[in-house]
Amino acid sequence: MPDASAGVYYARFKTGTVAETTALYGMGGSVESNQIISELLTAYLDHLYTGGNKWKK
């Protein structure tokens, strides 16, 4: 089970640090939070697709 052992190693290595996905998991419990997540994800993907910052002058 190399994938499982790699996951355990990663989890032990990251002990004591804040999870990188905490904000998304913590906000997923309400309709309002889901809307915010959707808007942020859409803006991020738009930014990646256009190759730049659309708000930059």
PDB file of N, CA and C in Angstrom:
ATOM      1  N   MET A   1       0.830  -1.193   0.000  1.00  0.00           N
ATOM      2  CA  MET A   1       0.000   0.000   0.000  1.00  0.00           C
ATOM      3  C   MET A   1       0.874   1.255   0.000  1.00  0.00           C
ATOM      4  N   PRO A   2       1.553   1.518  -1.083  1.00  0.00           N
ATOM      5  CA  PRO A   2       2.448   2.675  -1.115  1.00  0.00           C
ATOM      6  C   PRO A   2       1.713   4.013  -0.985  1.00  0.00           C
ATOM      7  N   ASP A   3       0.513   4.113  -1.521  1.00  0.00           N
ATOM      8  CA  ASP A   3      -0.225   5.376  -1.411  1.00  0.00           C
ATOM      9  C   ASP A   3      -0.593   5.673   0.024  1.00  0.00           C
ATOM     10  N   ALA A   4      -1.022   4.659   0.752  1.00  0.00           N
ATOM     11  CA  ALA A   4      -1.404   4.859   2.154  1.00  0.00           C
ATOM     12  C   ALA A   4      -0.191   5.237   2.991  1.00  0.00           C
ATOM     13  N   SER A   5       0.930   4.579   2.775  1.00  0.00           N
ATOM     14  CA  SER A   5       2.122   4.903   3.566  1.00  0.00           C
ATOM     15  C   SER A   5       2.635   6.299   3.228  1.00  0.00           C
ATOM     16  N   ALA A   6       2.507   6.711   1.984  1.00  0.00           N
ATOM     17  CA  ALA A   6       2.899   8.071   1.609  1.00  0.00           C
ATOM     18  C   ALA A   6       1.993   9.095   2.283  1.00  0.00           C
ATOM     19  N   GLY A   7       0.701   8.791   2.365  1.00  0.00           N
ATOM     20  CA  GLY A   7      -0.234   9.683   3.039  1.00  0.00           C
ATOM     21  C   GLY A   7       0.058   9.809   4.519  1.00  0.00           C
ATOM     22  N   VAL A   8       0.387   8.694   5.152  1.00  0.00           N
ATOM     23  CA  VAL A   8       0.730   8.705   6.584  1.00  0.00           C
ATOM     24  C   VAL A   8       2.001   9.516   6.798  1.00  0.00           C
ATOM     25  N   TYR A   9       2.992   9.314   5.942  1.00  0.00           N
ATOM     26  CA  TYR A   9       4.243  10.079   6.050  1.00  0.00           C
ATOM     27  C   TYR A   9       3.961  11.573   5.925  1.00  0.00           C
ATOM     28  N   TYR A  10       3.161  11.953   4.939  1.00  0.00           N
ATOM     29  CA  TYR A  10       2.830  13.365   4.728  1.00  0.00           C
ATOM     30  C   TYR A  10       2.121  13.949   5.940  1.00  0.00           C
ATOM     31  N   ALA A  11       1.157  13.201   6.482  1.00  0.00           N
ATOM     32  CA  ALA A  11       0.406  13.682   7.647  1.00  0.00           C
ATOM     33  C   ALA A  11       1.322  13.859   8.850  1.00  0.00           C
ATOM     34  N   ARG A  12       2.231  12.937   9.062  1.00  0.00           N
ATOM     35  CA  ARG A  12       3.160  13.053  10.194  1.00  0.00           C
ATOM     36  C   ARG A  12       4.128  14.211   9.977  1.00  0.00           C
ATOM     37  N   PHE A  13       4.553  14.415   8.748  1.00  0.00           N
ATOM     38  CA  PHE A  13       5.478  15.503   8.425  1.00  0.00           C
ATOM     39  C   PHE A  13       4.823  16.860   8.676  1.00  0.00           C
ATOM     40  N   LYS A  14       3.525  16.970   8.447  1.00  0.00           N
ATOM     41  CA  LYS A  14       2.800  18.236   8.574  1.00  0.00           C
ATOM     42  C   LYS A  14       2.193  18.436   9.964  1.00  0.00           C
ATOM     43  N   THR A  15       2.497  17.566  10.914  1.00  0.00           N
ATOM     44  CA  THR A  15       1.946  17.673  12.256  1.00  0.00           C
ATOM     45  C   THR A  15       2.265  19.048  12.849  1.00  0.00           C
ATOM     46  N   GLY A  16       1.248  19.684  13.405  1.00  0.00           N
ATOM     47  CA  GLY A  16       1.428  20.979  14.039  1.00  0.00           C
ATOM     48  C   GLY A  16       1.262  22.163  13.106  1.00  0.00           C
ATOM     49  N   THR A  17       1.025  21.928  11.828  1.00  0.00           N
ATOM     50  CA  THR A  17       0.813  23.034  10.892  1.00  0.00           C
ATOM     51  C   THR A  17      -0.672  23.135  10.542  1.00  0.00           C
ATOM     52  N   VAL A  18      -1.078  24.301  10.116  1.00  0.00           N
ATOM     53  CA  VAL A  18      -2.465  24.520   9.734  1.00  0.00           C
ATOM     54  C   VAL A  18      -2.720  23.869   8.385  1.00  0.00           C
ATOM     55  N   ALA A  19      -3.842  23.189   8.269  1.00  0.00           N
ATOM     56  CA  ALA A  19      -4.187  22.544   6.993  1.00  0.00           C
ATOM     57  C   ALA A  19      -4.361  23.593   5.906  1.00  0.00           C
ATOM     58  N   GLU A  20      -3.930  23.265   4.699  1.00  0.00           N
ATOM     59  CA  GLU A  20      -4.009  24.215   3.594  1.00  0.00           C
ATOM     60  C   GLU A  20      -5.427  24.405   3.075  1.00  0.00           C
ATOM     61  N   THR A  21      -6.335  23.511   3.395  1.00  0.00           N
ATOM     62  CA  THR A  21      -7.705  23.585   2.899  1.00  0.00           C
ATOM     63  C   THR A  21      -8.702  23.964   3.991  1.00  0.00           C
ATOM     64  N   THR A  22      -8.215  24.433   5.110  1.00  0.00           N
ATOM     65  CA  THR A  22      -9.090  24.741   6.246  1.00  0.00           C
ATOM     66  C   THR A  22     -10.193  25.722   5.884  1.00  0.00           C
ATOM     67  N   ALA A  23      -9.866  26.776   5.169  1.00  0.00           N
ATOM     68  CA  ALA A  23     -10.869  27.791   4.847  1.00  0.00           C
ATOM     69  C   ALA A  23     -12.007  27.215   4.018  1.00  0.00           C
ATOM     70  N   LEU A  24     -11.699  26.387   3.056  1.00  0.00           N
ATOM     71  CA  LEU A  24     -12.749  25.827   2.218  1.00  0.00           C
ATOM     72  C   LEU A  24     -13.617  24.836   2.983  1.00  0.00           C
ATOM     73  N   TYR A  25     -13.014  23.970   3.749  1.00  0.00           N
ATOM     74  CA  TYR A  25     -13.810  23.001   4.506  1.00  0.00           C
ATOM     75  C   TYR A  25     -14.636  23.692   5.582  1.00  0.00           C
ATOM     76  N   GLY A  26     -14.079  24.701   6.211  1.00  0.00           N
ATOM     77  CA  GLY A  26     -14.791  25.404   7.268  1.00  0.00           C
ATOM     78  C   GLY A  26     -15.955  26.229   6.758  1.00  0.00           C
ATOM     79  N   MET A  27     -15.919  26.604   5.486  1.00  0.00           N
ATOM     80  CA  MET A  27     -16.964  27.458   4.933  1.00  0.00           C
ATOM     81  C   MET A  27     -18.038  26.669   4.192  1.00  0.00           C
ATOM     82  N   GLY A  28     -17.915  25.372   4.095  1.00  0.00           N
ATOM     83  CA  GLY A  28     -18.818  24.596   3.270  1.00  0.00           C
ATOM     84  C   GLY A  28     -20.145  24.234   3.892  1.00  0.00           C
ATOM     85  N   GLY A  29     -20.458  24.775   5.050  1.00  0.00           N
ATOM     86  CA  GLY A  29     -21.643  24.324   5.763  1.00  0.00           C
ATOM     87  C   GLY A  29     -22.911  25.118   5.538  1.00  0.00           C
ATOM     88  N   SER A  30     -22.856  26.206   4.792  1.00  0.00           N
ATOM     89  CA  SER A  30     -24.066  27.002   4.600  1.00  0.00           C
ATOM     90  C   SER A  30     -24.199  27.429   3.139  1.00  0.00           C
ATOM     91  N   VAL A  31     -25.389  27.842   2.780  1.00  0.00           N
ATOM     92  CA  VAL A  31     -25.646  28.290   1.413  1.00  0.00           C
ATOM     93  C   VAL A  31     -24.810  29.530   1.101  1.00  0.00           C
ATOM     94  N   GLU A  32     -24.724  30.459   2.049  1.00  0.00           N
ATOM     95  CA  GLU A  32     -23.965  31.685   1.826  1.00  0.00           C
ATOM     96  C   GLU A  32     -22.480  31.387   1.622  1.00  0.00           C
ATOM     97  N   SER A  33     -21.952  30.497   2.436  1.00  0.00           N
ATOM     98  CA  SER A  33     -20.541  30.137   2.303  1.00  0.00           C
ATOM     99  C   SER A  33     -20.269  29.416   0.995  1.00  0.00           C
ATOM    100  N   ASN A  34     -21.178  28.549   0.589  1.00  0.00           N
ATOM    101  CA  ASN A  34     -21.010  27.864  -0.695  1.00  0.00           C
ATOM    102  C   ASN A  34     -20.995  28.860  -1.843  1.00  0.00           C
ATOM    103  N   GLN A  35     -21.809  29.909  -1.752  1.00  0.00           N
ATOM    104  CA  GLN A  35     -21.832  30.940  -2.791  1.00  0.00           C
ATOM    105  C   GLN A  35     -20.502  31.683  -2.839  1.00  0.00           C
ATOM    106  N   ILE A  36     -19.939  32.008  -1.679  1.00  0.00           N
ATOM    107  CA  ILE A  36     -18.655  32.699  -1.626  1.00  0.00           C
ATOM    108  C   ILE A  36     -17.564  31.832  -2.244  1.00  0.00           C
ATOM    109  N   ILE A  37     -17.556  30.551  -1.887  1.00  0.00           N
ATOM    110  CA  ILE A  37     -16.561  29.632  -2.435  1.00  0.00           C
ATOM    111  C   ILE A  37     -16.695  29.550  -3.950  1.00  0.00           C
ATOM    112  N   SER A  38     -17.920  29.463  -4.441  1.00  0.00           N
ATOM    113  CA  SER A  38     -18.141  29.396  -5.893  1.00  0.00           C
ATOM    114  C   SER A  38     -17.635  30.648  -6.594  1.00  0.00           C
ATOM    115  N   GLU A  39     -17.909  31.812  -6.014  1.00  0.00           N
ATOM    116  CA  GLU A  39     -17.459  33.065  -6.619  1.00  0.00           C
ATOM    117  C   GLU A  39     -15.935  33.176  -6.615  1.00  0.00           C
ATOM    118  N   LEU A  40     -15.301  32.785  -5.509  1.00  0.00           N
ATOM    119  CA  LEU A  40     -13.846  32.836  -5.441  1.00  0.00           C
ATOM    120  C   LEU A  40     -13.208  31.876  -6.436  1.00  0.00           C
ATOM    121  N   LEU A  41     -13.755  30.674  -6.530  1.00  0.00           N
ATOM    122  CA  LEU A  41     -13.218  29.694  -7.462  1.00  0.00           C
ATOM    123  C   LEU A  41     -13.386  30.159  -8.907  1.00  0.00           C
ATOM    124  N   THR A  42     -14.540  30.726  -9.221  1.00  0.00           N
ATOM    125  CA  THR A  42     -14.778  31.238 -10.569  1.00  0.00           C
ATOM    126  C   THR A  42     -13.797  32.359 -10.909  1.00  0.00           C
ATOM    127  N   ALA A  43     -13.595  33.283  -9.983  1.00  0.00           N
ATOM    128  CA  ALA A  43     -12.663  34.384 -10.216  1.00  0.00           C
ATOM    129  C   ALA A  43     -11.246  33.861 -10.394  1.00  0.00           C
ATOM    130  N   TYR A  44     -10.865  32.876  -9.594  1.00  0.00           N
ATOM    131  CA  TYR A  44      -9.521  32.302  -9.703  1.00  0.00           C
ATOM    132  C   TYR A  44      -9.328  31.612 -11.053  1.00  0.00           C
ATOM    133  N   LEU A  45     -10.304  30.831 -11.468  1.00  0.00           N
ATOM    134  CA  LEU A  45     -10.194  30.146 -12.755  1.00  0.00           C
ATOM    135  C   LEU A  45     -10.198  31.139 -13.916  1.00  0.00           C
ATOM    136  N   ASP A  46     -11.003  32.196 -13.815  1.00  0.00           N
ATOM    137  CA  ASP A  46     -10.984  33.238 -14.841  1.00  0.00           C
ATOM    138  C   ASP A  46      -9.596  33.872 -14.927  1.00  0.00           C
ATOM    139  N   HIS A  47      -9.003  34.120 -13.783  1.00  0.00           N
ATOM    140  CA  HIS A  47      -7.670  34.710 -13.730  1.00  0.00           C
ATOM    141  C   HIS A  47      -6.651  33.791 -14.410  1.00  0.00           C
ATOM    142  N   LEU A  48      -6.720  32.507 -14.112  1.00  0.00           N
ATOM    143  CA  LEU A  48      -5.793  31.560 -14.736  1.00  0.00           C
ATOM    144  C   LEU A  48      -6.014  31.473 -16.246  1.00  0.00           C
ATOM    145  N   TYR A  49      -7.256  31.469 -16.649  1.00  0.00           N
ATOM    146  CA  TYR A  49      -7.576  31.316 -18.072  1.00  0.00           C
ATOM    147  C   TYR A  49      -7.128  32.522 -18.895  1.00  0.00           C
ATOM    148  N   THR A  50      -7.309  33.719 -18.342  1.00  0.00           N
ATOM    149  CA  THR A  50      -6.955  34.931 -19.081  1.00  0.00           C
ATOM    150  C   THR A  50      -5.464  35.222 -19.017  1.00  0.00           C
ATOM    151  N   GLY A  51      -4.765  34.579 -18.085  1.00  0.00           N
ATOM    152  CA  GLY A  51      -3.322  34.764 -17.999  1.00  0.00           C
ATOM    153  C   GLY A  51      -2.896  36.063 -17.357  1.00  0.00           C
ATOM    154  N   GLY A  52      -3.763  36.693 -16.655  1.00  0.00           N
ATOM    155  CA  GLY A  52      -3.378  37.942 -16.008  1.00  0.00           C
ATOM    156  C   GLY A  52      -4.434  38.439 -15.059  1.00  0.00           C
ATOM    157  N   ASN A  53      -4.192  39.602 -14.556  1.00  0.00           N
ATOM    158  CA  ASN A  53      -5.089  40.204 -13.595  1.00  0.00           C
ATOM    159  C   ASN A  53      -6.001  41.183 -14.330  1.00  0.00           C
ATOM    160  N   LYS A  54      -7.293  40.865 -14.388  1.00  0.00           N
ATOM    161  CA  LYS A  54      -8.225  41.718 -15.139  1.00  0.00           C
ATOM    162  C   LYS A  54      -8.463  43.065 -14.466  1.00  0.00           C
ATOM    163  N   TRP A  55      -8.067  43.204 -13.187  1.00  0.00           N
ATOM    164  CA  TRP A  55      -8.243  44.465 -12.483  1.00  0.00           C
ATOM    165  C   TRP A  55      -7.010  45.348 -12.588  1.00  0.00           C
ATOM    166  N   LYS A  56      -5.947  44.837 -13.162  1.00  0.00           N
ATOM    167  CA  LYS A  56      -4.719  45.590 -13.296  1.00  0.00           C
ATOM    168  C   LYS A  56      -4.881  46.655 -14.373  1.00  0.00           C
ATOM    169  N   LYS A  57      -4.424  47.839 -14.064  1.00  0.00           N
ATOM    170  CA  LYS A  57      -4.549  48.955 -15.017  1.00  0.00           C
ATOM    171  C   LYS A  57      -3.339  49.036 -15.894  1.00  0.00           C
TER     172      LYS A  57
END
